PDB file of N, CA and C in Angstrom:
ATOM      1  N   MET A   1      71.971 -35.332-164.259  1.00  0.00           N
ATOM      2  CA  MET A   1      71.037 -36.180-163.601  1.00  0.00           C
ATOM      3  C   MET A   1      69.823 -36.420-164.527  1.00  0.00           C
ATOM      4  N   PRO A   2      69.407 -37.640-164.688  1.00  0.00           N
ATOM      5  CA  PRO A   2      68.238 -37.909-165.546  1.00  0.00           C
ATOM      6  C   PRO A   2      66.961 -37.321-164.915  1.00  0.00           C
ATOM      7  N   ALA A   3      65.989 -37.103-165.780  1.00  0.00           N
ATOM      8  CA  ALA A   3      64.712 -36.596-165.318  1.00  0.00           C
ATOM      9  C   ALA A   3      64.017 -37.599-164.413  1.00  0.00           C
ATOM     10  N   VAL A   4      63.346 -37.116-163.384  1.00  0.00           N
ATOM     11  CA  VAL A   4      62.577 -37.960-162.500  1.00  0.00           C
ATOM     12  C   VAL A   4      61.112 -37.612-162.666  1.00  0.00           C
ATOM     13  N   LYS A   5      60.319 -38.628-162.935  1.00  0.00           N
ATOM     14  CA  LYS A   5      58.891 -38.441-163.144  1.00  0.00           C
ATOM     15  C   LYS A   5      58.145 -39.373-162.177  1.00  0.00           C
ATOM     16  N   MET A   6      57.101 -38.827-161.554  1.00  0.00           N
ATOM     17  CA  MET A   6      56.367 -39.629-160.562  1.00  0.00           C
ATOM     18  C   MET A   6      54.875 -39.417-160.723  1.00  0.00           C
ATOM     19  N   TYR A   7      54.149 -40.496-160.910  1.00  0.00           N
ATOM     20  CA  TYR A   7      52.693 -40.452-160.901  1.00  0.00           C
ATOM     21  C   TYR A   7      52.272 -40.448-159.472  1.00  0.00           C
ATOM     22  N   THR A   8      51.413 -39.450-159.091  1.00  0.00           N
ATOM     23  CA  THR A   8      51.061 -39.274-157.670  1.00  0.00           C
ATOM     24  C   THR A   8      49.571 -38.907-157.517  1.00  0.00           C
ATOM     25  N   THR A   9      49.159 -38.873-156.251  1.00  0.00           N
ATOM     26  CA  THR A   9      47.900 -38.251-155.873  1.00  0.00           C
ATOM     27  C   THR A   9      48.235 -37.310-154.717  1.00  0.00           C
ATOM     28  N   GLN A  10      47.305 -36.423-154.391  1.00  0.00           N
ATOM     29  CA  GLN A  10      47.576 -35.407-153.392  1.00  0.00           C
ATOM     30  C   GLN A  10      47.754 -35.989-151.989  1.00  0.00           C
ATOM     31  N   VAL A  11      46.966 -37.004-151.617  1.00  0.00           N
ATOM     32  CA  VAL A  11      46.943 -37.465-150.251  1.00  0.00           C
ATOM     33  C   VAL A  11      47.705 -38.780-150.026  1.00  0.00           C
ATOM     34  N   CYS A  12      48.531 -39.175-150.938  1.00  0.00           N
ATOM     35  CA  CYS A  12      49.234 -40.464-150.860  1.00  0.00           C
ATOM     36  C   CYS A  12      50.449 -40.326-149.954  1.00  0.00           C
ATOM     37  N   PRO A  13      50.477 -41.027-148.793  1.00  0.00           N
ATOM     38  CA  PRO A  13      51.636 -40.927-147.905  1.00  0.00           C
ATOM     39  C   PRO A  13      52.881 -41.576-148.511  1.00  0.00           C
ATOM     40  N   TYR A  14      52.703 -42.590-149.353  1.00  0.00           N
ATOM     41  CA  TYR A  14      53.862 -43.222-149.998  1.00  0.00           C
ATOM     42  C   TYR A  14      54.504 -42.278-151.037  1.00  0.00           C
ATOM     43  N   CYS A  15      53.700 -41.467-151.674  1.00  0.00           N
ATOM     44  CA  CYS A  15      54.192 -40.459-152.595  1.00  0.00           C
ATOM     45  C   CYS A  15      55.055 -39.462-151.849  1.00  0.00           C
ATOM     46  N   LEU A  16      54.565 -38.993-150.713  1.00  0.00           N
ATOM     47  CA  LEU A  16      55.323 -38.031-149.909  1.00  0.00           C
ATOM     48  C   LEU A  16      56.641 -38.654-149.427  1.00  0.00           C
ATOM     49  N   ARG A  17      56.600 -39.898-149.017  1.00  0.00           N
ATOM     50  CA  ARG A  17      57.812 -40.583-148.548  1.00  0.00           C
ATOM     51  C   ARG A  17      58.819 -40.732-149.683  1.00  0.00           C
ATOM     52  N   ALA A  18      58.353 -41.100-150.865  1.00  0.00           N
ATOM     53  CA  ALA A  18      59.251 -41.247-151.999  1.00  0.00           C
ATOM     54  C   ALA A  18      59.859 -39.930-152.403  1.00  0.00           C
ATOM     55  N   LYS A  19      59.029 -38.872-152.428  1.00  0.00           N
ATOM     56  CA  LYS A  19      59.565 -37.532-152.765  1.00  0.00           C
ATOM     57  C   LYS A  19      60.631 -37.105-151.771  1.00  0.00           C
ATOM     58  N   ALA A  20      60.371 -37.363-150.472  1.00  0.00           N
ATOM     59  CA  ALA A  20      61.336 -36.970-149.448  1.00  0.00           C
ATOM     60  C   ALA A  20      62.685 -37.693-149.624  1.00  0.00           C
ATOM     61  N   LEU A  21      62.630 -38.987-149.952  1.00  0.00           N
ATOM     62  CA  LEU A  21      63.883 -39.720-150.161  1.00  0.00           C
ATOM     63  C   LEU A  21      64.630 -39.183-151.385  1.00  0.00           C
ATOM     64  N   LEU A  22      63.898 -38.937-152.447  1.00  0.00           N
ATOM     65  CA  LEU A  22      64.549 -38.402-153.649  1.00  0.00           C
ATOM     66  C   LEU A  22      65.191 -37.052-153.376  1.00  0.00           C
ATOM     67  N   LYS A  23      64.506 -36.206-152.629  1.00  0.00           N
ATOM     68  CA  LYS A  23      65.067 -34.868-152.295  1.00  0.00           C
ATOM     69  C   LYS A  23      66.319 -35.049-151.429  1.00  0.00           C
ATOM     70  N   GLN A  24      66.294 -36.018-150.498  1.00  0.00           N
ATOM     71  CA  GLN A  24      67.453 -36.282-149.656  1.00  0.00           C
ATOM     72  C   GLN A  24      68.661 -36.721-150.518  1.00  0.00           C
ATOM     73  N   ARG A  25      68.362 -37.341-151.626  1.00  0.00           N
ATOM     74  CA  ARG A  25      69.424 -37.827-152.523  1.00  0.00           C
ATOM     75  C   ARG A  25      69.802 -36.835-153.583  1.00  0.00           C
ATOM     76  N   GLY A  26      69.299 -35.600-153.462  1.00  0.00           N
ATOM     77  CA  GLY A  26      69.736 -34.524-154.336  1.00  0.00           C
ATOM     78  C   GLY A  26      68.847 -34.236-155.540  1.00  0.00           C
ATOM     79  N   VAL A  27      67.670 -34.841-155.612  1.00  0.00           N
ATOM     80  CA  VAL A  27      66.785 -34.555-156.711  1.00  0.00           C
ATOM     81  C   VAL A  27      65.962 -33.308-156.408  1.00  0.00           C
ATOM     82  N   ASN A  28      66.199 -32.307-157.190  1.00  0.00           N
ATOM     83  CA  ASN A  28      65.520 -31.022-156.982  1.00  0.00           C
ATOM     84  C   ASN A  28      64.241 -30.889-157.796  1.00  0.00           C
ATOM     85  N   ASP A  29      64.223 -31.497-158.956  1.00  0.00           N
ATOM     86  CA  ASP A  29      63.052 -31.389-159.837  1.00  0.00           C
ATOM     87  C   ASP A  29      62.418 -32.767-160.062  1.00  0.00           C
ATOM     88  N   ILE A  30      61.198 -32.888-159.595  1.00  0.00           N
ATOM     89  CA  ILE A  30      60.410 -34.099-159.829  1.00  0.00           C
ATOM     90  C   ILE A  30      59.167 -33.712-160.607  1.00  0.00           C
ATOM     91  N   GLU A  31      59.035 -34.272-161.787  1.00  0.00           N
ATOM     92  CA  GLU A  31      57.822 -34.020-162.596  1.00  0.00           C
ATOM     93  C   GLU A  31      56.714 -34.885-161.986  1.00  0.00           C
ATOM     94  N   GLU A  32      55.785 -34.210-161.347  1.00  0.00           N
ATOM     95  CA  GLU A  32      54.663 -34.931-160.724  1.00  0.00           C
ATOM     96  C   GLU A  32      53.479 -34.925-161.681  1.00  0.00           C
ATOM     97  N   ILE A  33      52.935 -36.110-161.885  1.00  0.00           N
ATOM     98  CA  ILE A  33      51.740 -36.228-162.717  1.00  0.00           C
ATOM     99  C   ILE A  33      50.652 -36.686-161.779  1.00  0.00           C
ATOM    100  N   ARG A  34      49.741 -35.787-161.531  1.00  0.00           N
ATOM    101  CA  ARG A  34      48.632 -36.021-160.580  1.00  0.00           C
ATOM    102  C   ARG A  34      47.474 -36.773-161.214  1.00  0.00           C
ATOM    103  N   ILE A  35      47.416 -38.070-160.947  1.00  0.00           N
ATOM    104  CA  ILE A  35      46.358 -38.888-161.576  1.00  0.00           C
ATOM    105  C   ILE A  35      45.009 -38.645-160.914  1.00  0.00           C
ATOM    106  N   ASP A  36      44.981 -38.029-159.754  1.00  0.00           N
ATOM    107  CA  ASP A  36      43.684 -37.724-159.122  1.00  0.00           C
ATOM    108  C   ASP A  36      43.017 -36.534-159.786  1.00  0.00           C
ATOM    109  N   LEU A  37      43.770 -35.720-160.469  1.00  0.00           N
ATOM    110  CA  LEU A  37      43.229 -34.583-161.149  1.00  0.00           C
ATOM    111  C   LEU A  37      42.882 -34.851-162.612  1.00  0.00           C
ATOM    112  N   ASP A  38      43.496 -35.861-163.160  1.00  0.00           N
ATOM    113  CA  ASP A  38      43.313 -36.164-164.601  1.00  0.00           C
ATOM    114  C   ASP A  38      43.223 -37.637-164.832  1.00  0.00           C
ATOM    115  N   PRO A  39      41.997 -38.166-164.987  1.00  0.00           N
ATOM    116  CA  PRO A  39      41.820 -39.623-165.157  1.00  0.00           C
ATOM    117  C   PRO A  39      42.542 -40.181-166.379  1.00  0.00           C
ATOM    118  N   THR A  40      42.787 -39.376-167.405  1.00  0.00           N
ATOM    119  CA  THR A  40      43.517 -39.877-168.543  1.00  0.00           C
ATOM    120  C   THR A  40      44.961 -40.215-168.185  1.00  0.00           C
ATOM    121  N   GLN A  41      45.495 -39.509-167.224  1.00  0.00           N
ATOM    122  CA  GLN A  41      46.860 -39.779-166.753  1.00  0.00           C
ATOM    123  C   GLN A  41      46.922 -41.109-166.029  1.00  0.00           C
ATOM    124  N   ARG A  42      45.839 -41.438-165.289  1.00  0.00           N
ATOM    125  CA  ARG A  42      45.801 -42.723-164.592  1.00  0.00           C
ATOM    126  C   ARG A  42      45.836 -43.848-165.620  1.00  0.00           C
ATOM    127  N   ALA A  43      45.023 -43.717-166.682  1.00  0.00           N
ATOM    128  CA  ALA A  43      44.988 -44.718-167.745  1.00  0.00           C
ATOM    129  C   ALA A  43      46.356 -44.832-168.404  1.00  0.00           C
ATOM    130  N   GLU A  44      47.022 -43.727-168.632  1.00  0.00           N
ATOM    131  CA  GLU A  44      48.374 -43.766-169.230  1.00  0.00           C
ATOM    132  C   GLU A  44      49.342 -44.464-168.293  1.00  0.00           C
ATOM    133  N   MET A  45      49.274 -44.148-167.002  1.00  0.00           N
ATOM    134  CA  MET A  45      50.177 -44.789-166.018  1.00  0.00           C
ATOM    135  C   MET A  45      49.967 -46.290-166.038  1.00  0.00           C
ATOM    136  N   MET A  46      48.730 -46.715-166.027  1.00  0.00           N
ATOM    137  CA  MET A  46      48.415 -48.170-166.030  1.00  0.00           C
ATOM    138  C   MET A  46      48.902 -48.826-167.306  1.00  0.00           C
ATOM    139  N   ALA A  47      48.760 -48.157-168.420  1.00  0.00           N
ATOM    140  CA  ALA A  47      49.206 -48.726-169.690  1.00  0.00           C
ATOM    141  C   ALA A  47      50.738 -48.862-169.726  1.00  0.00           C
ATOM    142  N   VAL A  48      51.422 -47.889-169.156  1.00  0.00           N
ATOM    143  CA  VAL A  48      52.900 -47.922-169.194  1.00  0.00           C
ATOM    144  C   VAL A  48      53.487 -48.859-168.161  1.00  0.00           C
ATOM    145  N   THR A  49      52.896 -48.883-166.942  1.00  0.00           N
ATOM    146  CA  THR A  49      53.490 -49.642-165.877  1.00  0.00           C
ATOM    147  C   THR A  49      52.815 -51.005-165.584  1.00  0.00           C
ATOM    148  N   GLY A  50      51.546 -51.110-166.003  1.00  0.00           N
ATOM    149  CA  GLY A  50      50.775 -52.299-165.641  1.00  0.00           C
ATOM    150  C   GLY A  50      50.328 -52.291-164.182  1.00  0.00           C
ATOM    151  N   ARG A  51      50.432 -51.181-163.515  1.00  0.00           N
ATOM    152  CA  ARG A  51      50.083 -51.057-162.094  1.00  0.00           C
ATOM    153  C   ARG A  51      49.021 -49.959-161.902  1.00  0.00           C
ATOM    154  N   ARG A  52      48.281 -50.123-160.794  1.00  0.00           N
ATOM    155  CA  ARG A  52      47.172 -49.192-160.488  1.00  0.00           C
ATOM    156  C   ARG A  52      47.552 -48.249-159.350  1.00  0.00           C
ATOM    157  N   THR A  53      48.587 -48.570-158.606  1.00  0.00           N
ATOM    158  CA  THR A  53      48.865 -47.838-157.364  1.00  0.00           C
ATOM    159  C   THR A  53      49.895 -46.729-157.587  1.00  0.00           C
ATOM    160  N   VAL A  54      49.875 -45.750-156.720  1.00  0.00           N
ATOM    161  CA  VAL A  54      50.864 -44.674-156.741  1.00  0.00           C
ATOM    162  C   VAL A  54      51.706 -44.748-155.456  1.00  0.00           C
ATOM    163  N   PRO A  55      52.906 -44.230-155.525  1.00  0.00           N
ATOM    164  CA  PRO A  55      53.524 -43.609-156.687  1.00  0.00           C
ATOM    165  C   PRO A  55      54.045 -44.628-157.677  1.00  0.00           C
ATOM    166  N   GLN A  56      54.202 -44.170-158.890  1.00  0.00           N
ATOM    167  CA  GLN A  56      54.965 -44.935-159.907  1.00  0.00           C
ATOM    168  C   GLN A  56      56.081 -44.015-160.332  1.00  0.00           C
ATOM    169  N   ILE A  57      57.292 -44.455-160.189  1.00  0.00           N
ATOM    170  CA  ILE A  57      58.463 -43.574-160.300  1.00  0.00           C
ATOM    171  C   ILE A  57      59.323 -44.007-161.471  1.00  0.00           C
ATOM    172  N   PHE A  58      59.696 -43.025-162.251  1.00  0.00           N
ATOM    173  CA  PHE A  58      60.629 -43.187-163.353  1.00  0.00           C
ATOM    174  C   PHE A  58      61.844 -42.338-163.154  1.00  0.00           C
ATOM    175  N   ILE A  59      63.014 -42.920-163.321  1.00  0.00           N
ATOM    176  CA  ILE A  59      64.276 -42.151-163.337  1.00  0.00           C
ATOM    177  C   ILE A  59      64.838 -42.338-164.722  1.00  0.00           C
ATOM    178  N   GLY A  60      64.815 -41.263-165.491  1.00  0.00           N
ATOM    179  CA  GLY A  60      65.145 -41.379-166.922  1.00  0.00           C
ATOM    180  C   GLY A  60      64.128 -42.280-167.541  1.00  0.00           C
ATOM    181  N   ASP A  61      64.581 -43.284-168.261  1.00  0.00           N
ATOM    182  CA  ASP A  61      63.694 -44.228-168.931  1.00  0.00           C
ATOM    183  C   ASP A  61      63.426 -45.466-168.084  1.00  0.00           C
ATOM    184  N   THR A  62      64.014 -45.515-166.882  1.00  0.00           N
ATOM    185  CA  THR A  62      63.871 -46.684-166.009  1.00  0.00           C
ATOM    186  C   THR A  62      62.703 -46.562-165.111  1.00  0.00           C
ATOM    187  N   HIS A  63      61.803 -47.534-165.167  1.00  0.00           N
ATOM    188  CA  HIS A  63      60.666 -47.583-164.244  1.00  0.00           C
ATOM    189  C   HIS A  63      61.172 -48.235-162.978  1.00  0.00           C
ATOM    190  N   VAL A  64      61.271 -47.447-161.909  1.00  0.00           N
ATOM    191  CA  VAL A  64      61.760 -47.937-160.631  1.00  0.00           C
ATOM    192  C   VAL A  64      60.649 -48.739-159.933  1.00  0.00           C
ATOM    193  N   GLY A  65      59.411 -48.298-160.071  1.00  0.00           N
ATOM    194  CA  GLY A  65      58.293 -48.929-159.375  1.00  0.00           C
ATOM    195  C   GLY A  65      57.676 -47.960-158.407  1.00  0.00           C
ATOM    196  N   GLY A  66      57.216 -48.508-157.290  1.00  0.00           N
ATOM    197  CA  GLY A  66      56.596 -47.680-156.256  1.00  0.00           C
ATOM    198  C   GLY A  66      57.556 -47.292-155.143  1.00  0.00           C
ATOM    199  N   CYS A  67      56.997 -46.844-154.019  1.00  0.00           N
ATOM    200  CA  CYS A  67      57.786 -46.391-152.921  1.00  0.00           C
ATOM    201  C   CYS A  67      58.666 -47.506-152.345  1.00  0.00           C
ATOM    202  N   ASP A  68      58.091 -48.677-152.157  1.00  0.00           N
ATOM    203  CA  ASP A  68      58.839 -49.804-151.583  1.00  0.00           C
ATOM    204  C   ASP A  68      60.054 -50.157-152.458  1.00  0.00           C
ATOM    205  N   GLU A  69      59.824 -50.191-153.756  1.00  0.00           N
ATOM    206  CA  GLU A  69      60.932 -50.497-154.682  1.00  0.00           C
ATOM    207  C   GLU A  69      62.001 -49.411-154.647  1.00  0.00           C
ATOM    208  N   LEU A  70      61.565 -48.171-154.527  1.00  0.00           N
ATOM    209  CA  LEU A  70      62.524 -47.064-154.435  1.00  0.00           C
ATOM    210  C   LEU A  70      63.377 -47.199-153.176  1.00  0.00           C
ATOM    211  N   MET A  71      62.735 -47.498-152.043  1.00  0.00           N
ATOM    212  CA  MET A  71      63.454 -47.677-150.761  1.00  0.00           C
ATOM    213  C   MET A  71      64.409 -48.868-150.890  1.00  0.00           C
ATOM    214  N   ASP A  72      63.974 -49.957-151.455  1.00  0.00           N
ATOM    215  CA  ASP A  72      64.803 -51.146-151.626  1.00  0.00           C
ATOM    216  C   ASP A  72      66.018 -50.829-152.521  1.00  0.00           C
ATOM    217  N   LEU A  73      65.775 -50.058-153.587  1.00  0.00           N
ATOM    218  CA  LEU A  73      66.852 -49.668-154.509  1.00  0.00           C
ATOM    219  C   LEU A  73      67.893 -48.833-153.763  1.00  0.00           C
ATOM    220  N   ASP A  74      67.419 -47.925-152.902  1.00  0.00           N
ATOM    221  CA  ASP A  74      68.324 -47.080-152.140  1.00  0.00           C
ATOM    222  C   ASP A  74      69.126 -47.919-151.152  1.00  0.00           C
ATOM    223  N   ARG A  75      68.454 -48.836-150.419  1.00  0.00           N
ATOM    224  CA  ARG A  75      69.106 -49.684-149.440  1.00  0.00           C
ATOM    225  C   ARG A  75      70.191 -50.578-150.103  1.00  0.00           C
ATOM    226  N   SER A  76      69.953 -51.022-151.308  1.00  0.00           N
ATOM    227  CA  SER A  76      70.879 -51.904-151.970  1.00  0.00           C
ATOM    228  C   SER A  76      72.026 -51.154-152.666  1.00  0.00           C
ATOM    229  N   GLY A  77      71.977 -49.831-152.621  1.00  0.00           N
ATOM    230  CA  GLY A  77      73.043 -49.038-153.228  1.00  0.00           C
ATOM    231  C   GLY A  77      72.806 -48.749-154.703  1.00  0.00           C
ATOM    232  N   GLY A  78      71.638 -49.031-155.216  1.00  0.00           N
ATOM    233  CA  GLY A  78      71.419 -48.828-156.665  1.00  0.00           C
ATOM    234  C   GLY A  78      70.792 -47.522-157.032  1.00  0.00           C
ATOM    235  N   LEU A  79      70.323 -46.768-156.065  1.00  0.00           N
ATOM    236  CA  LEU A  79      69.609 -45.498-156.391  1.00  0.00           C
ATOM    237  C   LEU A  79      70.584 -44.426-156.869  1.00  0.00           C
ATOM    238  N   MET A  80      71.654 -44.193-156.154  1.00  0.00           N
ATOM    239  CA  MET A  80      72.567 -43.102-156.504  1.00  0.00           C
ATOM    240  C   MET A  80      73.207 -43.308-157.872  1.00  0.00           C
ATOM    241  N   PRO A  81      73.661 -44.511-158.217  1.00  0.00           N
ATOM    242  CA  PRO A  81      74.209 -44.688-159.589  1.00  0.00           C
ATOM    243  C   PRO A  81      73.143 -44.365-160.663  1.00  0.00           C
ATOM    244  N   LEU A  82      71.887 -44.741-160.399  1.00  0.00           N
ATOM    245  CA  LEU A  82      70.839 -44.436-161.353  1.00  0.00           C
ATOM    246  C   LEU A  82      70.615 -42.946-161.465  1.00  0.00           C
ATOM    247  N   LEU A  83      70.634 -42.228-160.312  1.00  0.00           N
ATOM    248  CA  LEU A  83      70.458 -40.770-160.342  1.00  0.00           C
ATOM    249  C   LEU A  83      71.644 -40.076-160.957  1.00  0.00           C
ATOM    250  N   ASN A  84      72.821 -40.636-160.840  1.00  0.00           N
ATOM    251  CA  ASN A  84      74.037 -39.983-161.362  1.00  0.00           C
ATOM    252  C   ASN A  84      74.328 -40.364-162.807  1.00  0.00           C
ATOM    253  N   ALA A  85      73.521 -41.263-163.353  1.00  0.00           N
ATOM    254  CA  ALA A  85      73.742 -41.646-164.783  1.00  0.00           C
ATOM    255  C   ALA A  85      73.267 -40.520-165.681  1.00  0.00           C
ATOM    256  N   GLY A  86      73.867 -40.459-166.859  1.00  0.00           N
ATOM    257  CA  GLY A  86      73.451 -39.511-167.873  1.00  0.00           C
ATOM    258  C   GLY A  86      73.749 -38.132-167.480  1.00  0.00           C
TER     259      GLY A  86
END
């Protein structure tokens, strides 16, 4: 399973929802990067994704997007193949 990385904040309900879905799909390790604790991480997230909102989710080298995009990917059947790649 490829590494899963998520830019998050502590109180973000969308982050919690995304983490719950990933765990339901068998992801045990999520590298969380808390941008509320480290402003340099927010700047990095914005530089890499072009977005300001959290969560921003990466599966391997693929930028999935935020919670809505993750849910859409799951509904369309694209999440599991991405998680099972590599």
